[in-house]
Amino acid sequence: MKKIKTAKLIIQLNLLFYVVYNTYFGWNFHSVTKFEDNCDSIFTIIMKIAIVIYIIPLFSLYESTIEILTKKQQEQ
């Protein structure tokens, strides 16, 4: 659960970063400067990492739930 909370915090801070740098540079569809392009890349990389951090514990939670349900069905 700690990893999920950490990932949520990273996503929230990253979205704040997105709003701040787009407010500064302007809300353009394409990057105007190299620095803005770098900020776009940083945002994308951090978001991908945060999503992976968020999803990995969900897989283990899913697997453990399936194991528990399988054991209960075998007992019946």
PDB file of N, CA and C in Angstrom:
ATOM      1  N   MET A   1       0.824  -1.194   0.000  1.00  0.00           N
ATOM      2  CA  MET A   1       0.000   0.000   0.000  1.00  0.00           C
ATOM      3  C   MET A   1       0.867   1.258   0.000  1.00  0.00           C
ATOM      4  N   LYS A   2       2.060   1.142   0.594  1.00  0.00           N
ATOM      5  CA  LYS A   2       2.944   2.295   0.654  1.00  0.00           C
ATOM      6  C   LYS A   2       3.388   2.711  -0.746  1.00  0.00           C
ATOM      7  N   LYS A   3       3.634   1.732  -1.622  1.00  0.00           N
ATOM      8  CA  LYS A   3       4.054   2.049  -2.990  1.00  0.00           C
ATOM      9  C   LYS A   3       2.936   2.740  -3.760  1.00  0.00           C
ATOM     10  N   ILE A   4       1.710   2.321  -3.524  1.00  0.00           N
ATOM     11  CA  ILE A   4       0.573   2.941  -4.212  1.00  0.00           C
ATOM     12  C   ILE A   4       0.426   4.397  -3.771  1.00  0.00           C
ATOM     13  N   LYS A   5       0.549   4.649  -2.475  1.00  0.00           N
ATOM     14  CA  LYS A   5       0.445   6.023  -1.978  1.00  0.00           C
ATOM     15  C   LYS A   5       1.591   6.883  -2.501  1.00  0.00           C
ATOM     16  N   THR A   6       2.785   6.298  -2.554  1.00  0.00           N
ATOM     17  CA  THR A   6       3.936   7.027  -3.093  1.00  0.00           C
ATOM     18  C   THR A   6       3.721   7.370  -4.561  1.00  0.00           C
ATOM     19  N   ALA A   7       3.222   6.409  -5.334  1.00  0.00           N
ATOM     20  CA  ALA A   7       2.965   6.645  -6.753  1.00  0.00           C
ATOM     21  C   ALA A   7       1.902   7.721  -6.947  1.00  0.00           C
ATOM     22  N   LYS A   8       0.863   7.708  -6.123  1.00  0.00           N
ATOM     23  CA  LYS A   8      -0.175   8.741  -6.219  1.00  0.00           C
ATOM     24  C   LYS A   8       0.401  10.122  -5.937  1.00  0.00           C
ATOM     25  N   LEU A   9       1.287  10.206  -4.946  1.00  0.00           N
ATOM     26  CA  LEU A   9       1.923  11.479  -4.634  1.00  0.00           C
ATOM     27  C   LEU A   9       2.812  11.946  -5.783  1.00  0.00           C
ATOM     28  N   ILE A  10       3.555  11.023  -6.370  1.00  0.00           N
ATOM     29  CA  ILE A  10       4.407  11.369  -7.518  1.00  0.00           C
ATOM     30  C   ILE A  10       3.561  11.876  -8.679  1.00  0.00           C
ATOM     31  N   ILE A  11       2.452  11.210  -8.943  1.00  0.00           N
ATOM     32  CA  ILE A  11       1.562  11.632 -10.037  1.00  0.00           C
ATOM     33  C   ILE A  11       0.992  13.017  -9.766  1.00  0.00           C
ATOM     34  N   GLN A  12       0.569  13.267  -8.537  1.00  0.00           N
ATOM     35  CA  GLN A  12       0.012  14.574  -8.200  1.00  0.00           C
ATOM     36  C   GLN A  12       1.050  15.683  -8.335  1.00  0.00           C
ATOM     37  N   LEU A  13       2.261  15.432  -7.838  1.00  0.00           N
ATOM     38  CA  LEU A  13       3.320  16.433  -7.961  1.00  0.00           C
ATOM     39  C   LEU A  13       3.728  16.638  -9.416  1.00  0.00           C
ATOM     40  N   ASN A  14       3.713  15.551 -10.183  1.00  0.00           N
ATOM     41  CA  ASN A  14       4.060  15.655 -11.597  1.00  0.00           C
ATOM     42  C   ASN A  14       3.004  16.461 -12.358  1.00  0.00           C
ATOM     43  N   LEU A  15       1.745  16.278 -12.013  1.00  0.00           N
ATOM     44  CA  LEU A  15       0.690  17.077 -12.649  1.00  0.00           C
ATOM     45  C   LEU A  15       0.818  18.549 -12.273  1.00  0.00           C
ATOM     46  N   LEU A  16       1.217  18.823 -11.041  1.00  0.00           N
ATOM     47  CA  LEU A  16       1.480  20.197 -10.638  1.00  0.00           C
ATOM     48  C   LEU A  16       2.633  20.782 -11.450  1.00  0.00           C
ATOM     49  N   PHE A  17       3.686  20.001 -11.640  1.00  0.00           N
ATOM     50  CA  PHE A  17       4.812  20.410 -12.477  1.00  0.00           C
ATOM     51  C   PHE A  17       4.331  20.719 -13.899  1.00  0.00           C
ATOM     52  N   TYR A  18       3.448  19.871 -14.431  1.00  0.00           N
ATOM     53  CA  TYR A  18       2.898  20.053 -15.776  1.00  0.00           C
ATOM     54  C   TYR A  18       2.153  21.384 -15.891  1.00  0.00           C
ATOM     55  N   VAL A  19       1.309  21.670 -14.913  1.00  0.00           N
ATOM     56  CA  VAL A  19       0.537  22.915 -14.937  1.00  0.00           C
ATOM     57  C   VAL A  19       1.466  24.126 -14.831  1.00  0.00           C
ATOM     58  N   VAL A  20       2.461  24.034 -13.957  1.00  0.00           N
ATOM     59  CA  VAL A  20       3.368  25.166 -13.753  1.00  0.00           C
ATOM     60  C   VAL A  20       4.171  25.460 -15.016  1.00  0.00           C
ATOM     61  N   TYR A  21       4.798  24.431 -15.599  1.00  0.00           N
ATOM     62  CA  TYR A  21       5.630  24.732 -16.766  1.00  0.00           C
ATOM     63  C   TYR A  21       4.802  25.085 -17.991  1.00  0.00           C
ATOM     64  N   ASN A  22       3.593  24.556 -18.120  1.00  0.00           N
ATOM     65  CA  ASN A  22       2.759  24.960 -19.246  1.00  0.00           C
ATOM     66  C   ASN A  22       2.195  26.367 -19.056  1.00  0.00           C
ATOM     67  N   THR A  23       1.963  26.753 -17.829  1.00  0.00           N
ATOM     68  CA  THR A  23       1.535  28.124 -17.571  1.00  0.00           C
ATOM     69  C   THR A  23       2.665  29.093 -17.899  1.00  0.00           C
ATOM     70  N   TYR A  24       3.874  28.698 -17.574  1.00  0.00           N
ATOM     71  CA  TYR A  24       5.032  29.553 -17.848  1.00  0.00           C
ATOM     72  C   TYR A  24       5.302  29.664 -19.352  1.00  0.00           C
ATOM     73  N   PHE A  25       5.314  28.540 -20.048  1.00  0.00           N
ATOM     74  CA  PHE A  25       5.651  28.539 -21.474  1.00  0.00           C
ATOM     75  C   PHE A  25       4.451  28.830 -22.373  1.00  0.00           C
ATOM     76  N   GLY A  26       3.268  28.648 -21.869  1.00  0.00           N
ATOM     77  CA  GLY A  26       2.067  28.784 -22.692  1.00  0.00           C
ATOM     78  C   GLY A  26       1.533  27.403 -23.033  1.00  0.00           C
ATOM     79  N   TRP A  27       0.244  27.322 -23.205  1.00  0.00           N
ATOM     80  CA  TRP A  27      -0.406  26.034 -23.441  1.00  0.00           C
ATOM     81  C   TRP A  27      -0.398  25.723 -24.937  1.00  0.00           C
ATOM     82  N   ASN A  28       0.773  25.320 -25.439  1.00  0.00           N
ATOM     83  CA  ASN A  28       0.958  25.018 -26.862  1.00  0.00           C
ATOM     84  C   ASN A  28       0.824  23.518 -27.101  1.00  0.00           C
ATOM     85  N   PHE A  29       0.387  23.169 -28.322  1.00  0.00           N
ATOM     86  CA  PHE A  29       0.333  21.758 -28.680  1.00  0.00           C
ATOM     87  C   PHE A  29       1.722  21.185 -28.893  1.00  0.00           C
ATOM     88  N   HIS A  30       2.631  21.980 -29.404  1.00  0.00           N
ATOM     89  CA  HIS A  30       4.005  21.555 -29.668  1.00  0.00           C
ATOM     90  C   HIS A  30       4.966  22.461 -28.919  1.00  0.00           C
ATOM     91  N   SER A  31       6.099  21.894 -28.540  1.00  0.00           N
ATOM     92  CA  SER A  31       7.101  22.658 -27.797  1.00  0.00           C
ATOM     93  C   SER A  31       7.660  23.780 -28.656  1.00  0.00           C
ATOM     94  N   VAL A  32       7.822  24.940 -28.046  1.00  0.00           N
ATOM     95  CA  VAL A  32       8.352  26.100 -28.744  1.00  0.00           C
ATOM     96  C   VAL A  32       9.869  26.195 -28.546  1.00  0.00           C
ATOM     97  N   THR A  33      10.317  25.868 -27.333  1.00  0.00           N
ATOM     98  CA  THR A  33      11.746  25.941 -27.036  1.00  0.00           C
ATOM     99  C   THR A  33      12.272  24.561 -26.655  1.00  0.00           C
ATOM    100  N   LYS A  34      13.577  24.431 -26.651  1.00  0.00           N
ATOM    101  CA  LYS A  34      14.211  23.176 -26.261  1.00  0.00           C
ATOM    102  C   LYS A  34      13.966  22.895 -24.782  1.00  0.00           C
ATOM    103  N   PHE A  35      13.970  23.939 -23.964  1.00  0.00           N
ATOM    104  CA  PHE A  35      13.721  23.767 -22.537  1.00  0.00           C
ATOM    105  C   PHE A  35      12.310  23.235 -22.285  1.00  0.00           C
ATOM    106  N   GLU A  36      11.341  23.742 -23.022  1.00  0.00           N
ATOM    107  CA  GLU A  36       9.966  23.240 -22.900  1.00  0.00           C
ATOM    108  C   GLU A  36       9.883  21.788 -23.353  1.00  0.00           C
ATOM    109  N   ASP A  37      10.619  21.456 -24.390  1.00  0.00           N
ATOM    110  CA  ASP A  37      10.664  20.076 -24.867  1.00  0.00           C
ATOM    111  C   ASP A  37      11.271  19.154 -23.805  1.00  0.00           C
ATOM    112  N   ASN A  38      12.304  19.637 -23.118  1.00  0.00           N
ATOM    113  CA  ASN A  38      12.905  18.866 -22.029  1.00  0.00           C
ATOM    114  C   ASN A  38      11.916  18.667 -20.883  1.00  0.00           C
ATOM    115  N   CYS A  39      11.155  19.704 -20.564  1.00  0.00           N
ATOM    116  CA  CYS A  39      10.131  19.584 -19.521  1.00  0.00           C
ATOM    117  C   CYS A  39       9.056  18.573 -19.914  1.00  0.00           C
ATOM    118  N   ASP A  40       8.668  18.568 -21.180  1.00  0.00           N
ATOM    119  CA  ASP A  40       7.711  17.571 -21.660  1.00  0.00           C
ATOM    120  C   ASP A  40       8.262  16.159 -21.500  1.00  0.00           C
ATOM    121  N   SER A  41       9.528  15.986 -21.817  1.00  0.00           N
ATOM    122  CA  SER A  41      10.165  14.671 -21.688  1.00  0.00           C
ATOM    123  C   SER A  41      10.235  14.242 -20.224  1.00  0.00           C
ATOM    124  N   ILE A  42      10.607  15.163 -19.351  1.00  0.00           N
ATOM    125  CA  ILE A  42      10.675  14.855 -17.922  1.00  0.00           C
ATOM    126  C   ILE A  42       9.302  14.466 -17.404  1.00  0.00           C
ATOM    127  N   PHE A  43       8.279  15.211 -17.783  1.00  0.00           N
ATOM    128  CA  PHE A  43       6.917  14.897 -17.356  1.00  0.00           C
ATOM    129  C   PHE A  43       6.514  13.493 -17.807  1.00  0.00           C
ATOM    130  N   THR A  44       6.783  13.173 -19.059  1.00  0.00           N
ATOM    131  CA  THR A  44       6.398  11.874 -19.607  1.00  0.00           C
ATOM    132  C   THR A  44       7.130  10.734 -18.905  1.00  0.00           C
ATOM    133  N   ILE A  45       8.414  10.882 -18.692  1.00  0.00           N
ATOM    134  CA  ILE A  45       9.198   9.827 -18.046  1.00  0.00           C
ATOM    135  C   ILE A  45       8.746   9.610 -16.605  1.00  0.00           C
ATOM    136  N   ILE A  46       8.554  10.691 -15.871  1.00  0.00           N
ATOM    137  CA  ILE A  46       8.114  10.569 -14.478  1.00  0.00           C
ATOM    138  C   ILE A  46       6.727   9.937 -14.404  1.00  0.00           C
ATOM    139  N   MET A  47       5.841  10.306 -15.321  1.00  0.00           N
ATOM    140  CA  MET A  47       4.494   9.737 -15.316  1.00  0.00           C
ATOM    141  C   MET A  47       4.542   8.228 -15.592  1.00  0.00           C
ATOM    142  N   LYS A  48       5.363   7.808 -16.531  1.00  0.00           N
ATOM    143  CA  LYS A  48       5.492   6.374 -16.824  1.00  0.00           C
ATOM    144  C   LYS A  48       6.042   5.612 -15.630  1.00  0.00           C
ATOM    145  N   ILE A  49       7.047   6.162 -14.977  1.00  0.00           N
ATOM    146  CA  ILE A  49       7.622   5.517 -13.799  1.00  0.00           C
ATOM    147  C   ILE A  49       6.587   5.420 -12.682  1.00  0.00           C
ATOM    148  N   ALA A  50       5.836   6.483 -12.459  1.00  0.00           N
ATOM    149  CA  ALA A  50       4.823   6.487 -11.407  1.00  0.00           C
ATOM    150  C   ALA A  50       3.722   5.473 -11.686  1.00  0.00           C
ATOM    151  N   ILE A  51       3.341   5.335 -12.938  1.00  0.00           N
ATOM    152  CA  ILE A  51       2.307   4.355 -13.291  1.00  0.00           C
ATOM    153  C   ILE A  51       2.799   2.936 -13.041  1.00  0.00           C
ATOM    154  N   VAL A  52       4.054   2.676 -13.369  1.00  0.00           N
ATOM    155  CA  VAL A  52       4.627   1.348 -13.111  1.00  0.00           C
ATOM    156  C   VAL A  52       4.671   1.084 -11.606  1.00  0.00           C
ATOM    157  N   ILE A  53       5.107   2.077 -10.835  1.00  0.00           N
ATOM    158  CA  ILE A  53       5.145   1.928  -9.372  1.00  0.00           C
ATOM    159  C   ILE A  53       3.743   1.682  -8.823  1.00  0.00           C
ATOM    160  N   TYR A  54       2.751   2.288  -9.412  1.00  0.00           N
ATOM    161  CA  TYR A  54       1.367   2.124  -8.971  1.00  0.00           C
ATOM    162  C   TYR A  54       0.802   0.752  -9.339  1.00  0.00           C
ATOM    163  N   ILE A  55       1.133   0.251 -10.517  1.00  0.00           N
ATOM    164  CA  ILE A  55       0.532  -0.988 -11.025  1.00  0.00           C
ATOM    165  C   ILE A  55       1.159  -2.241 -10.424  1.00  0.00           C
ATOM    166  N   ILE A  56       2.447  -2.249 -10.163  1.00  0.00           N
ATOM    167  CA  ILE A  56       3.119  -3.458  -9.677  1.00  0.00           C
ATOM    168  C   ILE A  56       2.483  -4.004  -8.385  1.00  0.00           C
ATOM    169  N   PRO A  57       2.219  -3.183  -7.375  1.00  0.00           N
ATOM    170  CA  PRO A  57       1.554  -3.744  -6.181  1.00  0.00           C
ATOM    171  C   PRO A  57       0.137  -4.260  -6.471  1.00  0.00           C
ATOM    172  N   LEU A  58      -0.524  -3.696  -7.453  1.00  0.00           N
ATOM    173  CA  LEU A  58      -1.869  -4.170  -7.792  1.00  0.00           C
ATOM    174  C   LEU A  58      -1.829  -5.591  -8.338  1.00  0.00           C
ATOM    175  N   PHE A  59      -0.780  -5.924  -9.091  1.00  0.00           N
ATOM    176  CA  PHE A  59      -0.643  -7.289  -9.595  1.00  0.00           C
ATOM    177  C   PHE A  59      -0.440  -8.275  -8.453  1.00  0.00           C
ATOM    178  N   SER A  60       0.407  -7.931  -7.505  1.00  0.00           N
ATOM    179  CA  SER A  60       0.629  -8.840  -6.377  1.00  0.00           C
ATOM    180  C   SER A  60      -0.634  -8.959  -5.521  1.00  0.00           C
ATOM    181  N   LEU A  61      -1.378  -7.875  -5.362  1.00  0.00           N
ATOM    182  CA  LEU A  61      -2.640  -7.922  -4.640  1.00  0.00           C
ATOM    183  C   LEU A  61      -3.645  -8.823  -5.361  1.00  0.00           C
ATOM    184  N   TYR A  62      -3.699  -8.719  -6.672  1.00  0.00           N
ATOM    185  CA  TYR A  62      -4.585  -9.557  -7.474  1.00  0.00           C
ATOM    186  C   TYR A  62      -4.211 -11.027  -7.322  1.00  0.00           C
ATOM    187  N   GLU A  63      -2.907 -11.324  -7.415  1.00  0.00           N
ATOM    188  CA  GLU A  63      -2.455 -12.710  -7.303  1.00  0.00           C
ATOM    189  C   GLU A  63      -2.779 -13.288  -5.925  1.00  0.00           C
ATOM    190  N   SER A  64      -2.564 -12.522  -4.875  1.00  0.00           N
ATOM    191  CA  SER A  64      -2.858 -13.030  -3.533  1.00  0.00           C
ATOM    192  C   SER A  64      -4.358 -13.241  -3.339  1.00  0.00           C
ATOM    193  N   THR A  65      -5.170 -12.386  -3.908  1.00  0.00           N
ATOM    194  CA  THR A  65      -6.622 -12.558  -3.816  1.00  0.00           C
ATOM    195  C   THR A  65      -7.069 -13.819  -4.547  1.00  0.00           C
ATOM    196  N   ILE A  66      -6.500 -14.071  -5.703  1.00  0.00           N
ATOM    197  CA  ILE A  66      -6.830 -15.286  -6.452  1.00  0.00           C
ATOM    198  C   ILE A  66      -6.420 -16.523  -5.664  1.00  0.00           C
ATOM    199  N   GLU A  67      -5.262 -16.501  -5.030  1.00  0.00           N
ATOM    200  CA  GLU A  67      -4.813 -17.639  -4.221  1.00  0.00           C
ATOM    201  C   GLU A  67      -5.758 -17.895  -3.057  1.00  0.00           C
ATOM    202  N   ILE A  68      -6.202 -16.834  -2.400  1.00  0.00           N
ATOM    203  CA  ILE A  68      -7.129 -16.984  -1.270  1.00  0.00           C
ATOM    204  C   ILE A  68      -8.451 -17.568  -1.745  1.00  0.00           C
ATOM    205  N   LEU A  69      -8.970 -17.052  -2.853  1.00  0.00           N
ATOM    206  CA  LEU A  69     -10.242 -17.574  -3.381  1.00  0.00           C
ATOM    207  C   LEU A  69     -10.114 -19.022  -3.831  1.00  0.00           C
ATOM    208  N   THR A  70      -8.976 -19.374  -4.402  1.00  0.00           N
ATOM    209  CA  THR A  70      -8.747 -20.758  -4.837  1.00  0.00           C
ATOM    210  C   THR A  70      -8.706 -21.691  -3.634  1.00  0.00           C
ATOM    211  N   LYS A  71      -8.040 -21.292  -2.564  1.00  0.00           N
ATOM    212  CA  LYS A  71      -7.983 -22.103  -1.350  1.00  0.00           C
ATOM    213  C   LYS A  71      -9.366 -22.279  -0.745  1.00  0.00           C
ATOM    214  N   LYS A  72     -10.180 -21.227  -0.747  1.00  0.00           N
ATOM    215  CA  LYS A  72     -11.533 -21.334  -0.203  1.00  0.00           C
ATOM    216  C   LYS A  72     -12.402 -22.288  -1.026  1.00  0.00           C
ATOM    217  N   GLN A  73     -12.227 -22.248  -2.346  1.00  0.00           N
ATOM    218  CA  GLN A  73     -13.005 -23.152  -3.205  1.00  0.00           C
ATOM    219  C   GLN A  73     -12.559 -24.598  -3.010  1.00  0.00           C
ATOM    220  N   GLN A  74     -11.278 -24.820  -2.791  1.00  0.00           N
ATOM    221  CA  GLN A  74     -10.785 -26.183  -2.581  1.00  0.00           C
ATOM    222  C   GLN A  74     -11.251 -26.743  -1.242  1.00  0.00           C
ATOM    223  N   GLU A  75     -11.451 -25.891  -0.263  1.00  0.00           N
ATOM    224  CA  GLU A  75     -11.916 -26.341   1.049  1.00  0.00           C
ATOM    225  C   GLU A  75     -13.379 -26.764   1.019  1.00  0.00           C
ATOM    226  N   GLN A  76     -14.144 -26.228   0.122  1.00  0.00           N
ATOM    227  CA  GLN A  76     -15.574 -26.532   0.059  1.00  0.00           C
ATOM    228  C   GLN A  76     -15.832 -27.817  -0.617  1.00  0.00           C
TER     229      GLN A  76
END
